[in-house]
Amino acid sequence: MIGATPQFPAIDDWQKMSEAEQDALLARMESARRRGALLNRLLTALACTAAGAGVVLAILKMW
């Protein structure tokens, strides 16, 4: 995956951040979470498509 997933800082560091910095960090973390979920769905769809194509080819080969 591109870039590292932002980690939640220690509570002391969090409290020292401005509200804008906190919001930006939370937005980056949410964006990274959504990208990961999208990638998982894409890989699952590709695996299912490949499995379906394999089944169709096996059936055609037997026929």
C-alpha atoms as a PDB file:
ATOM      1  CA  MET A   1       0.000   0.000   0.000  1.00  0.00           C
ATOM      2  CA  ILE A   2       1.164   3.515  -0.706  1.00  0.00           C
ATOM      3  CA  GLY A   3       2.511   5.236   2.392  1.00  0.00           C
ATOM      4  CA  ALA A   4       2.243   4.148   5.981  1.00  0.00           C
ATOM      5  CA  THR A   5      -0.996   4.161   7.917  1.00  0.00           C
ATOM      6  CA  PRO A   6      -0.949   7.034  10.410  1.00  0.00           C
ATOM      7  CA  GLN A   7      -0.849   5.869  14.013  1.00  0.00           C
ATOM      8  CA  PHE A   8      -2.781   7.466  16.837  1.00  0.00           C
ATOM      9  CA  PRO A   9      -0.310   9.439  18.968  1.00  0.00           C
ATOM     10  CA  ALA A  10       0.188   9.135  22.711  1.00  0.00           C
ATOM     11  CA  ILE A  11      -2.480  10.983  24.688  1.00  0.00           C
ATOM     12  CA  ASP A  12       0.015  13.669  25.764  1.00  0.00           C
ATOM     13  CA  ASP A  13       0.950  14.344  22.136  1.00  0.00           C
ATOM     14  CA  TRP A  14      -2.722  14.320  21.139  1.00  0.00           C
ATOM     15  CA  GLN A  15      -3.584  16.917  23.766  1.00  0.00           C
ATOM     16  CA  LYS A  16      -0.734  19.168  22.588  1.00  0.00           C
ATOM     17  CA  MET A  17      -2.072  19.138  19.003  1.00  0.00           C
ATOM     18  CA  SER A  18      -4.386  21.882  17.789  1.00  0.00           C
ATOM     19  CA  GLU A  19      -7.940  20.940  16.884  1.00  0.00           C
ATOM     20  CA  ALA A  20      -7.104  21.391  13.195  1.00  0.00           C
ATOM     21  CA  GLU A  21      -4.133  19.005  13.528  1.00  0.00           C
ATOM     22  CA  GLN A  22      -6.319  16.471  15.341  1.00  0.00           C
ATOM     23  CA  ASP A  23      -8.978  16.709  12.636  1.00  0.00           C
ATOM     24  CA  ALA A  24      -6.356  16.315   9.896  1.00  0.00           C
ATOM     25  CA  LEU A  25      -4.869  13.236  11.581  1.00  0.00           C
ATOM     26  CA  LEU A  26      -8.293  11.634  12.024  1.00  0.00           C
ATOM     27  CA  ALA A  27      -9.116  12.379   8.370  1.00  0.00           C
ATOM     28  CA  ARG A  28      -5.856  10.739   7.214  1.00  0.00           C
ATOM     29  CA  MET A  29      -6.512   7.692   9.396  1.00  0.00           C
ATOM     30  CA  GLU A  30     -10.072   7.350   8.046  1.00  0.00           C
ATOM     31  CA  SER A  31      -8.841   7.741   4.479  1.00  0.00           C
ATOM     32  CA  ALA A  32      -6.238   5.014   5.004  1.00  0.00           C
ATOM     33  CA  ARG A  33      -8.891   2.738   6.527  1.00  0.00           C
ATOM     34  CA  ARG A  34     -11.190   3.269   3.521  1.00  0.00           C
ATOM     35  CA  ARG A  35      -8.343   2.600   1.067  1.00  0.00           C
ATOM     36  CA  GLY A  36      -7.567  -0.659   2.868  1.00  0.00           C
ATOM     37  CA  ALA A  37     -11.215  -1.740   2.786  1.00  0.00           C
ATOM     38  CA  LEU A  38     -11.453  -0.880  -0.906  1.00  0.00           C
ATOM     39  CA  LEU A  39      -8.283  -2.839  -1.665  1.00  0.00           C
ATOM     40  CA  ASN A  40      -9.629  -5.859   0.230  1.00  0.00           C
ATOM     41  CA  ARG A  41     -12.900  -5.745  -1.746  1.00  0.00           C
ATOM     42  CA  LEU A  42     -10.990  -5.419  -5.013  1.00  0.00           C
ATOM     43  CA  LEU A  43      -8.749  -8.391  -4.217  1.00  0.00           C
ATOM     44  CA  THR A  44     -11.773 -10.467  -3.183  1.00  0.00           C
ATOM     45  CA  ALA A  45     -13.560  -9.602  -6.427  1.00  0.00           C
ATOM     46  CA  LEU A  46     -10.489 -10.549  -8.458  1.00  0.00           C
ATOM     47  CA  ALA A  47     -10.140 -13.856  -6.614  1.00  0.00           C
ATOM     48  CA  CYS A  48     -13.822 -14.684  -7.146  1.00  0.00           C
ATOM     49  CA  THR A  49     -13.577 -13.773 -10.830  1.00  0.00           C
ATOM     50  CA  ALA A  50     -10.509 -15.969 -11.259  1.00  0.00           C
ATOM     51  CA  ALA A  51     -12.194 -18.851  -9.434  1.00  0.00           C
ATOM     52  CA  GLY A  52     -15.327 -18.485 -11.575  1.00  0.00           C
ATOM     53  CA  ALA A  53     -13.261 -18.421 -14.754  1.00  0.00           C
ATOM     54  CA  GLY A  54     -11.428 -21.542 -13.599  1.00  0.00           C
ATOM     55  CA  VAL A  55     -14.716 -23.364 -13.013  1.00  0.00           C
ATOM     56  CA  VAL A  56     -16.026 -22.348 -16.431  1.00  0.00           C
ATOM     57  CA  LEU A  57     -12.815 -23.503 -18.107  1.00  0.00           C
ATOM     58  CA  ALA A  58     -12.931 -26.825 -16.254  1.00  0.00           C
ATOM     59  CA  ILE A  59     -16.526 -27.384 -17.330  1.00  0.00           C
ATOM     60  CA  LEU A  60     -15.723 -26.497 -20.943  1.00  0.00           C
ATOM     61  CA  LYS A  61     -12.705 -28.811 -20.876  1.00  0.00           C
ATOM     62  CA  MET A  62     -14.858 -31.740 -19.702  1.00  0.00           C
ATOM     63  CA  TRP A  63     -17.557 -31.004 -22.234  1.00  0.00           C
END
